[in-house]
Amino acid sequence: MGVKHGREYEQILNDLTEAVGRIPDSYEFFEMEAEDWDRLDPVGRQEVNEALAEDLFYALGTEPIITVGSGVVIYEPEQHRIYVLIGDEELTSVPLI
């Protein structure tokens, strides 16, 4: 289903990929071990983060709050944004329109 958006999907995906890449242990979402993550080259890490962003985009349409490693990804439909948080600190937000 995904979230409602007015921006191009590719732009949102790029922004969301960058945002989840800032969560230091985002790989835990896929049940990866730190050692496996550490073995990936930058291209491999980018691919994992992009897959994570795609999964989150569609999952947030039915589950508005999703834990990703030590972070939380929150879809706020009224604000047309996806927020990426660690603890109480907002890392970034991704505009959907």
PDB file of N, CA and C in Angstrom:
ATOM      1  N   MET A   1       0.821  -1.183   0.000  1.00  0.00           N
ATOM      2  CA  MET A   1       0.000   0.000   0.000  1.00  0.00           C
ATOM      3  C   MET A   1       0.871   1.254   0.000  1.00  0.00           C
ATOM      4  N   GLY A   2       1.755   1.394   0.956  1.00  0.00           N
ATOM      5  CA  GLY A   2       2.622   2.559   1.009  1.00  0.00           C
ATOM      6  C   GLY A   2       1.933   3.765   1.621  1.00  0.00           C
ATOM      7  N   VAL A   3       2.672   4.844   1.694  1.00  0.00           N
ATOM      8  CA  VAL A   3       2.146   6.079   2.261  1.00  0.00           C
ATOM      9  C   VAL A   3       1.705   6.999   1.128  1.00  0.00           C
ATOM     10  N   LYS A   4       0.767   7.884   1.426  1.00  0.00           N
ATOM     11  CA  LYS A   4       0.324   8.851   0.423  1.00  0.00           C
ATOM     12  C   LYS A   4       1.429   9.869   0.210  1.00  0.00           C
ATOM     13  N   HIS A   5       1.643  10.211  -1.057  1.00  0.00           N
ATOM     14  CA  HIS A   5       2.715  11.149  -1.359  1.00  0.00           C
ATOM     15  C   HIS A   5       2.410  11.915  -2.631  1.00  0.00           C
ATOM     16  N   GLY A   6       3.018  13.087  -2.739  1.00  0.00           N
ATOM     17  CA  GLY A   6       2.863  13.911  -3.929  1.00  0.00           C
ATOM     18  C   GLY A   6       4.188  14.090  -4.654  1.00  0.00           C
ATOM     19  N   ARG A   7       5.281  13.895  -3.939  1.00  0.00           N
ATOM     20  CA  ARG A   7       6.605  13.967  -4.560  1.00  0.00           C
ATOM     21  C   ARG A   7       6.858  12.701  -5.363  1.00  0.00           C
ATOM     22  N   GLU A   8       7.827  12.780  -6.240  1.00  0.00           N
ATOM     23  CA  GLU A   8       8.228  11.595  -6.993  1.00  0.00           C
ATOM     24  C   GLU A   8       8.739  10.527  -6.029  1.00  0.00           C
ATOM     25  N   TYR A   9       8.320   9.298  -6.257  1.00  0.00           N
ATOM     26  CA  TYR A   9       8.723   8.183  -5.396  1.00  0.00           C
ATOM     27  C   TYR A   9      10.242   8.091  -5.316  1.00  0.00           C
ATOM     28  N   GLU A  10      10.925   8.254  -6.425  1.00  0.00           N
ATOM     29  CA  GLU A  10      12.391   8.131  -6.450  1.00  0.00           C
ATOM     30  C   GLU A  10      13.052   9.159  -5.535  1.00  0.00           C
ATOM     31  N   GLN A  11      12.533  10.375  -5.499  1.00  0.00           N
ATOM     32  CA  GLN A  11      13.083  11.409  -4.609  1.00  0.00           C
ATOM     33  C   GLN A  11      12.860  11.031  -3.150  1.00  0.00           C
ATOM     34  N   ILE A  12      11.669  10.557  -2.842  1.00  0.00           N
ATOM     35  CA  ILE A  12      11.368  10.136  -1.477  1.00  0.00           C
ATOM     36  C   ILE A  12      12.275   8.976  -1.086  1.00  0.00           C
ATOM     37  N   LEU A  13      12.417   8.002  -1.984  1.00  0.00           N
ATOM     38  CA  LEU A  13      13.254   6.841  -1.697  1.00  0.00           C
ATOM     39  C   LEU A  13      14.695   7.260  -1.447  1.00  0.00           C
ATOM     40  N   ASN A  14      15.220   8.181  -2.248  1.00  0.00           N
ATOM     41  CA  ASN A  14      16.590   8.649  -2.038  1.00  0.00           C
ATOM     42  C   ASN A  14      16.738   9.302  -0.663  1.00  0.00           C
ATOM     43  N   ASP A  15      15.802  10.170  -0.300  1.00  0.00           N
ATOM     44  CA  ASP A  15      15.852  10.848   0.996  1.00  0.00           C
ATOM     45  C   ASP A  15      15.710   9.859   2.151  1.00  0.00           C
ATOM     46  N   LEU A  16      14.801   8.897   2.004  1.00  0.00           N
ATOM     47  CA  LEU A  16      14.577   7.922   3.066  1.00  0.00           C
ATOM     48  C   LEU A  16      15.779   6.984   3.200  1.00  0.00           C
ATOM     49  N   THR A  17      16.395   6.630   2.087  1.00  0.00           N
ATOM     50  CA  THR A  17      17.600   5.797   2.125  1.00  0.00           C
ATOM     51  C   THR A  17      18.714   6.506   2.893  1.00  0.00           C
ATOM     52  N   GLU A  18      18.893   7.773   2.606  1.00  0.00           N
ATOM     53  CA  GLU A  18      19.905   8.553   3.320  1.00  0.00           C
ATOM     54  C   GLU A  18      19.576   8.639   4.812  1.00  0.00           C
ATOM     55  N   ALA A  19      18.310   8.857   5.126  1.00  0.00           N
ATOM     56  CA  ALA A  19      17.891   9.003   6.520  1.00  0.00           C
ATOM     57  C   ALA A  19      18.115   7.718   7.319  1.00  0.00           C
ATOM     58  N   VAL A  20      17.690   6.578   6.785  1.00  0.00           N
ATOM     59  CA  VAL A  20      17.873   5.328   7.537  1.00  0.00           C
ATOM     60  C   VAL A  20      19.342   4.944   7.601  1.00  0.00           C
ATOM     61  N   GLY A  21      20.122   5.402   6.648  1.00  0.00           N
ATOM     62  CA  GLY A  21      21.569   5.156   6.680  1.00  0.00           C
ATOM     63  C   GLY A  21      22.247   5.844   7.848  1.00  0.00           C
ATOM     64  N   ARG A  22      21.586   6.827   8.433  1.00  0.00           N
ATOM     65  CA  ARG A  22      22.144   7.543   9.583  1.00  0.00           C
ATOM     66  C   ARG A  22      21.879   6.810  10.899  1.00  0.00           C
ATOM     67  N   ILE A  23      21.034   5.791  10.875  1.00  0.00           N
ATOM     68  CA  ILE A  23      20.815   4.968  12.070  1.00  0.00           C
ATOM     69  C   ILE A  23      21.974   3.975  12.121  1.00  0.00           C
ATOM     70  N   PRO A  24      22.819   4.045  13.144  1.00  0.00           N
ATOM     71  CA  PRO A  24      24.052   3.256  13.137  1.00  0.00           C
ATOM     72  C   PRO A  24      23.850   1.745  13.074  1.00  0.00           C
ATOM     73  N   ASP A  25      22.745   1.245  13.583  1.00  0.00           N
ATOM     74  CA  ASP A  25      22.503  -0.197  13.573  1.00  0.00           C
ATOM     75  C   ASP A  25      21.234  -0.556  12.794  1.00  0.00           C
ATOM     76  N   SER A  26      20.988   0.182  11.732  1.00  0.00           N
ATOM     77  CA  SER A  26      19.788  -0.065  10.918  1.00  0.00           C
ATOM     78  C   SER A  26      19.758  -1.478  10.344  1.00  0.00           C
ATOM     79  N   TYR A  27      20.916  -2.070  10.158  1.00  0.00           N
ATOM     80  CA  TYR A  27      21.021  -3.426   9.598  1.00  0.00           C
ATOM     81  C   TYR A  27      20.283  -4.454  10.459  1.00  0.00           C
ATOM     82  N   GLU A  28      20.071  -4.144  11.741  1.00  0.00           N
ATOM     83  CA  GLU A  28      19.365  -5.079  12.619  1.00  0.00           C
ATOM     84  C   GLU A  28      17.931  -5.329  12.158  1.00  0.00           C
ATOM     85  N   PHE A  29      17.362  -4.411  11.390  1.00  0.00           N
ATOM     86  CA  PHE A  29      16.010  -4.593  10.859  1.00  0.00           C
ATOM     87  C   PHE A  29      15.928  -5.888  10.060  1.00  0.00           C
ATOM     88  N   PHE A  30      17.025  -6.210   9.353  1.00  0.00           N
ATOM     89  CA  PHE A  30      17.088  -7.431   8.542  1.00  0.00           C
ATOM     90  C   PHE A  30      17.724  -8.588   9.295  1.00  0.00           C
ATOM     91  N   GLU A  31      17.848  -8.419  10.625  1.00  0.00           N
ATOM     92  CA  GLU A  31      18.445  -9.436  11.478  1.00  0.00           C
ATOM     93  C   GLU A  31      19.874  -9.762  11.071  1.00  0.00           C
ATOM     94  N   MET A  32      20.578  -8.774  10.552  1.00  0.00           N
ATOM     95  CA  MET A  32      21.993  -8.920  10.219  1.00  0.00           C
ATOM     96  C   MET A  32      22.815  -8.752  11.488  1.00  0.00           C
ATOM     97  N   GLU A  33      23.935  -9.394  11.521  1.00  0.00           N
ATOM     98  CA  GLU A  33      24.889  -9.221  12.606  1.00  0.00           C
ATOM     99  C   GLU A  33      25.833  -8.076  12.255  1.00  0.00           C
ATOM    100  N   ALA A  34      26.385  -7.445  13.266  1.00  0.00           N
ATOM    101  CA  ALA A  34      27.315  -6.332  13.050  1.00  0.00           C
ATOM    102  C   ALA A  34      28.500  -6.766  12.188  1.00  0.00           C
ATOM    103  N   GLU A  35      28.968  -7.989  12.383  1.00  0.00           N
ATOM    104  CA  GLU A  35      30.109  -8.487  11.608  1.00  0.00           C
ATOM    105  C   GLU A  35      29.762  -8.564  10.120  1.00  0.00           C
ATOM    106  N   ASP A  36      28.537  -8.984   9.809  1.00  0.00           N
ATOM    107  CA  ASP A  36      28.119  -9.058   8.404  1.00  0.00           C
ATOM    108  C   ASP A  36      28.046  -7.659   7.795  1.00  0.00           C
ATOM    109  N   TRP A  37      27.518  -6.711   8.558  1.00  0.00           N
ATOM    110  CA  TRP A  37      27.430  -5.326   8.095  1.00  0.00           C
ATOM    111  C   TRP A  37      28.825  -4.760   7.848  1.00  0.00           C
ATOM    112  N   ASP A  38      29.729  -5.032   8.784  1.00  0.00           N
ATOM    113  CA  ASP A  38      31.093  -4.515   8.676  1.00  0.00           C
ATOM    114  C   ASP A  38      31.821  -5.058   7.446  1.00  0.00           C
ATOM    115  N   ARG A  39      31.453  -6.231   7.002  1.00  0.00           N
ATOM    116  CA  ARG A  39      32.099  -6.833   5.821  1.00  0.00           C
ATOM    117  C   ARG A  39      31.608  -6.236   4.508  1.00  0.00           C
ATOM    118  N   LEU A  40      30.472  -5.546   4.555  1.00  0.00           N
ATOM    119  CA  LEU A  40      29.936  -4.961   3.316  1.00  0.00           C
ATOM    120  C   LEU A  40      30.753  -3.743   2.902  1.00  0.00           C
ATOM    121  N   ASP A  41      30.939  -3.603   1.601  1.00  0.00           N
ATOM    122  CA  ASP A  41      31.571  -2.390   1.088  1.00  0.00           C
ATOM    123  C   ASP A  41      30.508  -1.288   1.022  1.00  0.00           C
ATOM    124  N   PRO A  42      30.907  -0.054   0.737  1.00  0.00           N
ATOM    125  CA  PRO A  42      29.922   1.045   0.702  1.00  0.00           C
ATOM    126  C   PRO A  42      28.755   0.800  -0.259  1.00  0.00           C
ATOM    127  N   VAL A  43      29.009   0.167  -1.388  1.00  0.00           N
ATOM    128  CA  VAL A  43      27.930  -0.118  -2.339  1.00  0.00           C
ATOM    129  C   VAL A  43      26.946  -1.117  -1.733  1.00  0.00           C
ATOM    130  N   GLY A  44      27.450  -2.133  -1.075  1.00  0.00           N
ATOM    131  CA  GLY A  44      26.593  -3.125  -0.434  1.00  0.00           C
ATOM    132  C   GLY A  44      25.749  -2.507   0.667  1.00  0.00           C
ATOM    133  N   ARG A  45      26.352  -1.629   1.448  1.00  0.00           N
ATOM    134  CA  ARG A  45      25.603  -0.947   2.512  1.00  0.00           C
ATOM    135  C   ARG A  45      24.508  -0.071   1.919  1.00  0.00           C
ATOM    136  N   GLN A  46      24.830   0.613   0.827  1.00  0.00           N
ATOM    137  CA  GLN A  46      23.828   1.461   0.161  1.00  0.00           C
ATOM    138  C   GLN A  46      22.659   0.616  -0.333  1.00  0.00           C
ATOM    139  N   GLU A  47      22.958  -0.558  -0.874  1.00  0.00           N
ATOM    140  CA  GLU A  47      21.897  -1.445  -1.362  1.00  0.00           C
ATOM    141  C   GLU A  47      21.002  -1.927  -0.221  1.00  0.00           C
ATOM    142  N   VAL A  48      21.602  -2.264   0.921  1.00  0.00           N
ATOM    143  CA  VAL A  48      20.821  -2.694   2.081  1.00  0.00           C
ATOM    144  C   VAL A  48      19.941  -1.543   2.564  1.00  0.00           C
ATOM    145  N   ASN A  49      20.512  -0.337   2.643  1.00  0.00           N
ATOM    146  CA  ASN A  49      19.728   0.814   3.106  1.00  0.00           C
ATOM    147  C   ASN A  49      18.602   1.152   2.143  1.00  0.00           C
ATOM    148  N   GLU A  50      18.835   0.997   0.847  1.00  0.00           N
ATOM    149  CA  GLU A  50      17.765   1.255  -0.125  1.00  0.00           C
ATOM    150  C   GLU A  50      16.647   0.220   0.011  1.00  0.00           C
ATOM    151  N   ALA A  51      17.019  -1.043   0.199  1.00  0.00           N
ATOM    152  CA  ALA A  51      16.001  -2.083   0.406  1.00  0.00           C
ATOM    153  C   ALA A  51      15.203  -1.796   1.673  1.00  0.00           C
ATOM    154  N   LEU A  52      15.891  -1.337   2.714  1.00  0.00           N
ATOM    155  CA  LEU A  52      15.218  -0.981   3.961  1.00  0.00           C
ATOM    156  C   LEU A  52      14.252   0.172   3.736  1.00  0.00           C
ATOM    157  N   ALA A  53      14.694   1.194   3.024  1.00  0.00           N
ATOM    158  CA  ALA A  53      13.834   2.354   2.747  1.00  0.00           C
ATOM    159  C   ALA A  53      12.584   1.930   1.971  1.00  0.00           C
ATOM    160  N   GLU A  54      12.744   1.067   0.983  1.00  0.00           N
ATOM    161  CA  GLU A  54      11.589   0.582   0.216  1.00  0.00           C
ATOM    162  C   GLU A  54      10.622  -0.180   1.117  1.00  0.00           C
ATOM    163  N   ASP A  55      11.160  -1.070   1.938  1.00  0.00           N
ATOM    164  CA  ASP A  55      10.306  -1.841   2.843  1.00  0.00           C
ATOM    165  C   ASP A  55       9.548  -0.921   3.794  1.00  0.00           C
ATOM    166  N   LEU A  56      10.258   0.067   4.329  1.00  0.00           N
ATOM    167  CA  LEU A  56       9.632   0.991   5.265  1.00  0.00           C
ATOM    168  C   LEU A  56       8.541   1.815   4.596  1.00  0.00           C
ATOM    169  N   PHE A  57       8.802   2.293   3.390  1.00  0.00           N
ATOM    170  CA  PHE A  57       7.826   3.116   2.686  1.00  0.00           C
ATOM    171  C   PHE A  57       6.484   2.392   2.584  1.00  0.00           C
ATOM    172  N   TYR A  58       6.527   1.120   2.225  1.00  0.00           N
ATOM    173  CA  TYR A  58       5.284   0.373   2.072  1.00  0.00           C
ATOM    174  C   TYR A  58       4.710  -0.064   3.415  1.00  0.00           C
ATOM    175  N   ALA A  59       5.544  -0.428   4.357  1.00  0.00           N
ATOM    176  CA  ALA A  59       5.056  -0.880   5.660  1.00  0.00           C
ATOM    177  C   ALA A  59       4.434   0.259   6.462  1.00  0.00           C
ATOM    178  N   LEU A  60       4.951   1.471   6.312  1.00  0.00           N
ATOM    179  CA  LEU A  60       4.427   2.603   7.070  1.00  0.00           C
ATOM    180  C   LEU A  60       2.980   2.927   6.701  1.00  0.00           C
ATOM    181  N   GLY A  61       2.526   2.465   5.557  1.00  0.00           N
ATOM    182  CA  GLY A  61       1.133   2.672   5.169  1.00  0.00           C
ATOM    183  C   GLY A  61       0.157   1.938   6.069  1.00  0.00           C
ATOM    184  N   THR A  62       0.594   0.866   6.711  1.00  0.00           N
ATOM    185  CA  THR A  62      -0.282   0.115   7.612  1.00  0.00           C
ATOM    186  C   THR A  62       0.216   0.134   9.052  1.00  0.00           C
ATOM    187  N   GLU A  63       1.500   0.362   9.244  1.00  0.00           N
ATOM    188  CA  GLU A  63       2.116   0.394  10.577  1.00  0.00           C
ATOM    189  C   GLU A  63       2.871   1.717  10.697  1.00  0.00           C
ATOM    190  N   PRO A  64       2.266   2.756  11.296  1.00  0.00           N
ATOM    191  CA  PRO A  64       2.853   4.093  11.251  1.00  0.00           C
ATOM    192  C   PRO A  64       4.106   4.313  12.105  1.00  0.00           C
ATOM    193  N   ILE A  65       4.430   3.365  12.981  1.00  0.00           N
ATOM    194  CA  ILE A  65       5.640   3.475  13.799  1.00  0.00           C
ATOM    195  C   ILE A  65       6.389   2.155  13.704  1.00  0.00           C
ATOM    196  N   ILE A  66       7.646   2.216  13.242  1.00  0.00           N
ATOM    197  CA  ILE A  66       8.438   1.005  13.062  1.00  0.00           C
ATOM    198  C   ILE A  66       9.812   1.219  13.688  1.00  0.00           C
ATOM    199  N   THR A  67      10.213   0.269  14.525  1.00  0.00           N
ATOM    200  CA  THR A  67      11.537   0.316  15.131  1.00  0.00           C
ATOM    201  C   THR A  67      12.555  -0.232  14.138  1.00  0.00           C
ATOM    202  N   VAL A  68      13.656   0.509  13.990  1.00  0.00           N
ATOM    203  CA  VAL A  68      14.739   0.109  13.094  1.00  0.00           C
ATOM    204  C   VAL A  68      16.030   0.232  13.896  1.00  0.00           C
ATOM    205  N   GLY A  69      16.562  -0.905  14.349  1.00  0.00           N
ATOM    206  CA  GLY A  69      17.743  -0.863  15.198  1.00  0.00           C
ATOM    207  C   GLY A  69      17.461  -0.003  16.418  1.00  0.00           C
ATOM    208  N   SER A  70      18.337   0.962  16.692  1.00  0.00           N
ATOM    209  CA  SER A  70      18.142   1.866  17.827  1.00  0.00           C
ATOM    210  C   SER A  70      17.299   3.077  17.459  1.00  0.00           C
ATOM    211  N   GLY A  71      16.755   3.083  16.259  1.00  0.00           N
ATOM    212  CA  GLY A  71      15.942   4.199  15.795  1.00  0.00           C
ATOM    213  C   GLY A  71      14.480   3.838  15.666  1.00  0.00           C
ATOM    214  N   VAL A  72      13.696   4.874  15.380  1.00  0.00           N
ATOM    215  CA  VAL A  72      12.263   4.698  15.148  1.00  0.00           C
ATOM    216  C   VAL A  72      11.911   5.518  13.914  1.00  0.00           C
ATOM    217  N   VAL A  73      11.121   4.920  13.042  1.00  0.00           N
ATOM    218  CA  VAL A  73      10.654   5.608  11.842  1.00  0.00           C
ATOM    219  C   VAL A  73       9.148   5.798  12.011  1.00  0.00           C
ATOM    220  N   ILE A  74       8.700   7.048  11.851  1.00  0.00           N
ATOM    221  CA  ILE A  74       7.310   7.405  12.133  1.00  0.00           C
ATOM    222  C   ILE A  74       6.707   8.117  10.920  1.00  0.00           C
ATOM    223  N   TYR A  75       5.547   7.643  10.500  1.00  0.00           N
ATOM    224  CA  TYR A  75       4.806   8.285   9.417  1.00  0.00           C
ATOM    225  C   TYR A  75       3.742   9.170  10.033  1.00  0.00           C
ATOM    226  N   GLU A  76       3.785  10.446   9.698  1.00  0.00           N
ATOM    227  CA  GLU A  76       2.799  11.424  10.170  1.00  0.00           C
ATOM    228  C   GLU A  76       1.992  11.910   8.960  1.00  0.00           C
ATOM    229  N   PRO A  77       0.836  11.271   8.675  1.00  0.00           N
ATOM    230  CA  PRO A  77       0.082  11.624   7.470  1.00  0.00           C
ATOM    231  C   PRO A  77      -0.419  13.071   7.463  1.00  0.00           C
ATOM    232  N   GLU A  78      -0.758  13.610   8.633  1.00  0.00           N
ATOM    233  CA  GLU A  78      -1.265  14.988   8.681  1.00  0.00           C
ATOM    234  C   GLU A  78      -0.173  15.994   8.305  1.00  0.00           C
ATOM    235  N   GLN A  79       1.067  15.657   8.608  1.00  0.00           N
ATOM    236  CA  GLN A  79       2.188  16.540   8.301  1.00  0.00           C
ATOM    237  C   GLN A  79       2.854  16.172   6.977  1.00  0.00           C
ATOM    238  N   HIS A  80       2.410  15.090   6.371  1.00  0.00           N
ATOM    239  CA  HIS A  80       2.959  14.609   5.097  1.00  0.00           C
ATOM    240  C   HIS A  80       4.466  14.414   5.202  1.00  0.00           C
ATOM    241  N   ARG A  81       4.900  13.754   6.270  1.00  0.00           N
ATOM    242  CA  ARG A  81       6.326  13.537   6.520  1.00  0.00           C
ATOM    243  C   ARG A  81       6.557  12.168   7.143  1.00  0.00           C
ATOM    244  N   ILE A  82       7.768  11.685   6.914  1.00  0.00           N
ATOM    245  CA  ILE A  82       8.279  10.516   7.614  1.00  0.00           C
ATOM    246  C   ILE A  82       9.434  11.024   8.468  1.00  0.00           C
ATOM    247  N   TYR A  83       9.374  10.734   9.765  1.00  0.00           N
ATOM    248  CA  TYR A  83      10.427  11.155  10.691  1.00  0.00           C
ATOM    249  C   TYR A  83      11.303   9.960  11.043  1.00  0.00           C
ATOM    250  N   VAL A  84      12.599  10.199  11.134  1.00  0.00           N
ATOM    251  CA  VAL A  84      13.543   9.174  11.553  1.00  0.00           C
ATOM    252  C   VAL A  84      14.190   9.680  12.833  1.00  0.00           C
ATOM    253  N   LEU A  85      13.991   8.925  13.922  1.00  0.00           N
ATOM    254  CA  LEU A  85      14.449   9.342  15.241  1.00  0.00           C
ATOM    255  C   LEU A  85      15.346   8.298  15.881  1.00  0.00           C
ATOM    256  N   ILE A  86      16.284   8.777  16.694  1.00  0.00           N
ATOM    257  CA  ILE A  86      17.016   7.910  17.621  1.00  0.00           C
ATOM    258  C   ILE A  86      16.806   8.518  18.988  1.00  0.00           C
ATOM    259  N   GLY A  87      16.205   7.759  19.891  1.00  0.00           N
ATOM    260  CA  GLY A  87      15.874   8.299  21.208  1.00  0.00           C
ATOM    261  C   GLY A  87      14.919   9.463  21.061  1.00  0.00           C
ATOM    262  N   ASP A  88      15.215  10.550  21.736  1.00  0.00           N
ATOM    263  CA  ASP A  88      14.373  11.736  21.658  1.00  0.00           C
ATOM    264  C   ASP A  88      14.882  12.726  20.619  1.00  0.00           C
ATOM    265  N   GLU A  89      15.973  12.385  19.972  1.00  0.00           N
ATOM    266  CA  GLU A  89      16.602  13.290  19.013  1.00  0.00           C
ATOM    267  C   GLU A  89      16.121  13.004  17.599  1.00  0.00           C
ATOM    268  N   GLU A  90      15.579  14.011  16.954  1.00  0.00           N
ATOM    269  CA  GLU A  90      15.162  13.832  15.557  1.00  0.00           C
ATOM    270  C   GLU A  90      16.387  13.883  14.670  1.00  0.00           C
ATOM    271  N   LEU A  91      16.582  12.856  13.890  1.00  0.00           N
ATOM    272  CA  LEU A  91      17.681  12.868  12.941  1.00  0.00           C
ATOM    273  C   LEU A  91      17.321  13.666  11.712  1.00  0.00           C
ATOM    274  N   THR A  92      16.182  13.339  11.156  1.00  0.00           N
ATOM    275  CA  THR A  92      15.785  13.979   9.905  1.00  0.00           C
ATOM    276  C   THR A  92      14.319  13.692   9.635  1.00  0.00           C
ATOM    277  N   SER A  93      13.789  14.362   8.651  1.00  0.00           N
ATOM    278  CA  SER A  93      12.444  14.051   8.186  1.00  0.00           C
ATOM    279  C   SER A  93      12.455  14.064   6.666  1.00  0.00           C
ATOM    280  N   VAL A  94      11.552  13.287   6.120  1.00  0.00           N
ATOM    281  CA  VAL A  94      11.431  13.164   4.673  1.00  0.00           C
ATOM    282  C   VAL A  94      10.064  13.706   4.266  1.00  0.00           C
ATOM    283  N   PRO A  95      10.040  14.804   3.500  1.00  0.00           N
ATOM    284  CA  PRO A  95       8.745  15.333   3.051  1.00  0.00           C
ATOM    285  C   PRO A  95       8.135  14.447   1.970  1.00  0.00           C
ATOM    286  N   LEU A  96       6.830  14.305   2.028  1.00  0.00           N
ATOM    287  CA  LEU A  96       6.122  13.459   1.062  1.00  0.00           C
ATOM    288  C   LEU A  96       5.405  14.255  -0.007  1.00  0.00           C
ATOM    289  N   ILE A  97       5.305  15.579   0.179  1.00  0.00           N
ATOM    290  CA  ILE A  97       4.676  16.427  -0.845  1.00  0.00           C
ATOM    291  C   ILE A  97       5.612  17.576  -1.182  1.00  0.00           C
TER     292      ILE A  97
END
